[in-house]
Amino acid sequence: NIKATADERGFYYKIQKPGSGDKPSVCSNVTVNYKGQLTNGTSFDSGEDVSFGLKQLILGWQEGIPLIAPGGSITLYLPPRLAYGDQEQPGIPANSILVFQIDLLKVN
């Protein structure tokens, strides 16, 4: 029961702000603020002013972050197959649906 857009690749998203300028590609390095939660609201990770190469990240981030431009903000609702699948992670049970709030600060 979320108000979000279904993506044909199998996840849901909600763009709070689209941002402006060139959107990143999967080959981009990006700087973000983010917060990760389970569907029950339990927070498992967060970071501010953190830079990543998108290729290094889970598939859901590789597919979701390019939907916005720098200055943009998006919420991603990722099924296990676009996150960590059946691999348990610290604070994340296996086969969890993950919710990420991501602010794209810049494309490096």
C-alpha atoms as a PDB file:
ATOM      1  CA  ASN A   1       0.000   0.000   0.000  1.00  0.00           C
ATOM      2  CA  ILE A   2       2.582   2.541  -1.082  1.00  0.00           C
ATOM      3  CA  LYS A   3       1.994   5.476  -3.376  1.00  0.00           C
ATOM      4  CA  ALA A   4       4.798   4.908  -5.815  1.00  0.00           C
ATOM      5  CA  THR A   5       5.441   4.271  -9.490  1.00  0.00           C
ATOM      6  CA  ALA A   6       6.022   0.706 -10.656  1.00  0.00           C
ATOM      7  CA  ASP A   7       9.108   0.341 -12.843  1.00  0.00           C
ATOM      8  CA  GLU A   8       9.064  -2.386 -15.499  1.00  0.00           C
ATOM      9  CA  ARG A   9      12.373  -3.685 -14.091  1.00  0.00           C
ATOM     10  CA  GLY A  10      10.580  -4.859 -10.946  1.00  0.00           C
ATOM     11  CA  PHE A  11      10.851  -2.111  -8.340  1.00  0.00           C
ATOM     12  CA  TYR A  12       8.803   0.850  -7.155  1.00  0.00           C
ATOM     13  CA  TYR A  13       9.966   4.421  -6.756  1.00  0.00           C
ATOM     14  CA  LYS A  14       8.768   7.857  -5.762  1.00  0.00           C
ATOM     15  CA  ILE A  15      10.598  10.947  -6.981  1.00  0.00           C
ATOM     16  CA  GLN A  16      10.357  13.763  -4.431  1.00  0.00           C
ATOM     17  CA  LYS A  17      12.527  16.131  -6.510  1.00  0.00           C
ATOM     18  CA  PRO A  18      13.744  15.393 -10.053  1.00  0.00           C
ATOM     19  CA  GLY A  19      16.884  17.532  -9.773  1.00  0.00           C
ATOM     20  CA  SER A  20      18.439  19.238 -12.798  1.00  0.00           C
ATOM     21  CA  GLY A  21      21.255  18.688 -15.222  1.00  0.00           C
ATOM     22  CA  ASP A  22      22.663  15.456 -16.561  1.00  0.00           C
ATOM     23  CA  LYS A  23      21.424  12.255 -14.977  1.00  0.00           C
ATOM     24  CA  PRO A  24      24.028   9.663 -14.011  1.00  0.00           C
ATOM     25  CA  SER A  25      24.579   6.419 -15.883  1.00  0.00           C
ATOM     26  CA  VAL A  26      25.512   3.061 -14.389  1.00  0.00           C
ATOM     27  CA  CYS A  27      29.144   3.987 -15.175  1.00  0.00           C
ATOM     28  CA  SER A  28      28.955   7.206 -13.127  1.00  0.00           C
ATOM     29  CA  ASN A  29      30.442   7.964  -9.753  1.00  0.00           C
ATOM     30  CA  VAL A  30      27.868   9.739  -7.571  1.00  0.00           C
ATOM     31  CA  THR A  31      27.777  11.534  -4.227  1.00  0.00           C
ATOM     32  CA  VAL A  32      24.654  10.943  -2.149  1.00  0.00           C
ATOM     33  CA  ASN A  33      22.970  11.225   1.207  1.00  0.00           C
ATOM     34  CA  TYR A  34      20.986   8.077   1.918  1.00  0.00           C
ATOM     35  CA  LYS A  35      19.028   6.131   4.488  1.00  0.00           C
ATOM     36  CA  GLY A  36      18.124   2.449   4.211  1.00  0.00           C
ATOM     37  CA  GLN A  37      15.193   0.867   6.059  1.00  0.00           C
ATOM     38  CA  LEU A  38      13.334  -2.389   6.226  1.00  0.00           C
ATOM     39  CA  THR A  39       9.600  -2.290   5.475  1.00  0.00           C
ATOM     40  CA  ASN A  40       8.889  -2.312   9.233  1.00  0.00           C
ATOM     41  CA  GLY A  41      10.744   1.020   9.535  1.00  0.00           C
ATOM     42  CA  THR A  42      13.931  -0.384  11.089  1.00  0.00           C
ATOM     43  CA  SER A  43      16.919   1.596   9.838  1.00  0.00           C
ATOM     44  CA  PHE A  44      19.929  -0.513   8.806  1.00  0.00           C
ATOM     45  CA  ASP A  45      22.266   2.005   7.155  1.00  0.00           C
ATOM     46  CA  SER A  46      22.716   5.670   6.323  1.00  0.00           C
ATOM     47  CA  GLY A  47      25.359   8.021   5.051  1.00  0.00           C
ATOM     48  CA  GLU A  48      25.946  11.662   4.228  1.00  0.00           C
ATOM     49  CA  ASP A  49      28.090  13.052   1.424  1.00  0.00           C
ATOM     50  CA  VAL A  50      29.169   9.524   0.439  1.00  0.00           C
ATOM     51  CA  SER A  51      30.633   8.794  -3.017  1.00  0.00           C
ATOM     52  CA  PHE A  52      30.162   5.504  -4.859  1.00  0.00           C
ATOM     53  CA  GLY A  53      30.675   4.124  -8.326  1.00  0.00           C
ATOM     54  CA  LEU A  54      27.174   2.979  -9.304  1.00  0.00           C
ATOM     55  CA  LYS A  55      28.590  -0.229 -10.816  1.00  0.00           C
ATOM     56  CA  GLN A  56      29.727  -1.262  -7.308  1.00  0.00           C
ATOM     57  CA  LEU A  57      26.247  -1.058  -5.814  1.00  0.00           C
ATOM     58  CA  ILE A  58      23.174  -3.278  -5.665  1.00  0.00           C
ATOM     59  CA  LEU A  59      21.139  -3.508  -8.877  1.00  0.00           C
ATOM     60  CA  GLY A  60      18.279  -1.454  -7.451  1.00  0.00           C
ATOM     61  CA  TRP A  61      20.579   1.530  -6.972  1.00  0.00           C
ATOM     62  CA  GLN A  62      22.120   1.068 -10.419  1.00  0.00           C
ATOM     63  CA  GLU A  63      18.644   1.200 -11.950  1.00  0.00           C
ATOM     64  CA  GLY A  64      16.978   3.708  -9.621  1.00  0.00           C
ATOM     65  CA  ILE A  65      19.486   6.507  -9.107  1.00  0.00           C
ATOM     66  CA  PRO A  66      19.674   7.357 -12.854  1.00  0.00           C
ATOM     67  CA  LEU A  67      15.978   8.320 -12.677  1.00  0.00           C
ATOM     68  CA  ILE A  68      16.980  11.617 -11.037  1.00  0.00           C
ATOM     69  CA  ALA A  69      19.525  14.366 -11.704  1.00  0.00           C
ATOM     70  CA  PRO A  70      21.824  16.187  -9.232  1.00  0.00           C
ATOM     71  CA  GLY A  71      19.781  17.936  -6.560  1.00  0.00           C
ATOM     72  CA  GLY A  72      17.112  15.267  -6.874  1.00  0.00           C
ATOM     73  CA  SER A  73      15.609  13.019  -4.239  1.00  0.00           C
ATOM     74  CA  ILE A  74      14.073   9.562  -4.695  1.00  0.00           C
ATOM     75  CA  THR A  75      12.643   6.768  -2.570  1.00  0.00           C
ATOM     76  CA  LEU A  76      13.352   3.270  -3.891  1.00  0.00           C
ATOM     77  CA  TYR A  77      11.353   0.194  -2.866  1.00  0.00           C
ATOM     78  CA  LEU A  78      13.543  -2.742  -3.845  1.00  0.00           C
ATOM     79  CA  PRO A  79      12.606  -6.414  -3.931  1.00  0.00           C
ATOM     80  CA  PRO A  80      15.229  -8.907  -2.748  1.00  0.00           C
ATOM     81  CA  ARG A  81      16.387  -9.762  -6.282  1.00  0.00           C
ATOM     82  CA  LEU A  82      17.449  -6.127  -6.816  1.00  0.00           C
ATOM     83  CA  ALA A  83      19.020  -5.858  -3.368  1.00  0.00           C
ATOM     84  CA  TYR A  84      20.775  -8.636  -1.419  1.00  0.00           C
ATOM     85  CA  GLY A  85      18.539 -11.581  -2.364  1.00  0.00           C
ATOM     86  CA  ASP A  86      18.864 -14.552  -0.046  1.00  0.00           C
ATOM     87  CA  GLN A  87      22.160 -13.256   1.368  1.00  0.00           C
ATOM     88  CA  GLU A  88      21.746 -11.997   4.926  1.00  0.00           C
ATOM     89  CA  GLN A  89      23.598  -8.728   5.606  1.00  0.00           C
ATOM     90  CA  PRO A  90      24.275  -6.973   8.929  1.00  0.00           C
ATOM     91  CA  GLY A  91      20.867  -5.713  10.058  1.00  0.00           C
ATOM     92  CA  ILE A  92      19.154  -7.100   6.941  1.00  0.00           C
ATOM     93  CA  PRO A  93      17.445 -10.504   7.001  1.00  0.00           C
ATOM     94  CA  ALA A  94      17.670 -12.656   3.864  1.00  0.00           C
ATOM     95  CA  ASN A  95      15.002 -11.956   1.220  1.00  0.00           C
ATOM     96  CA  SER A  96      14.146  -8.505   2.584  1.00  0.00           C
ATOM     97  CA  ILE A  97      12.364  -5.769   0.677  1.00  0.00           C
ATOM     98  CA  LEU A  98      14.429  -2.624   1.216  1.00  0.00           C
ATOM     99  CA  VAL A  99      13.409   1.037   1.227  1.00  0.00           C
ATOM    100  CA  PHE A 100      16.037   3.658   0.427  1.00  0.00           C
ATOM    101  CA  GLN A 101      15.676   7.423   0.631  1.00  0.00           C
ATOM    102  CA  ILE A 102      18.406   8.879  -1.605  1.00  0.00           C
ATOM    103  CA  ASP A 103      19.406  12.489  -2.260  1.00  0.00           C
ATOM    104  CA  LEU A 104      21.686  12.765  -5.299  1.00  0.00           C
ATOM    105  CA  LEU A 105      24.114  15.544  -4.436  1.00  0.00           C
ATOM    106  CA  LYS A 106      26.282  15.360  -7.546  1.00  0.00           C
ATOM    107  CA  VAL A 107      27.573  13.238 -10.381  1.00  0.00           C
ATOM    108  CA  ASN A 108      31.350  13.190 -10.097  1.00  0.00           C
END
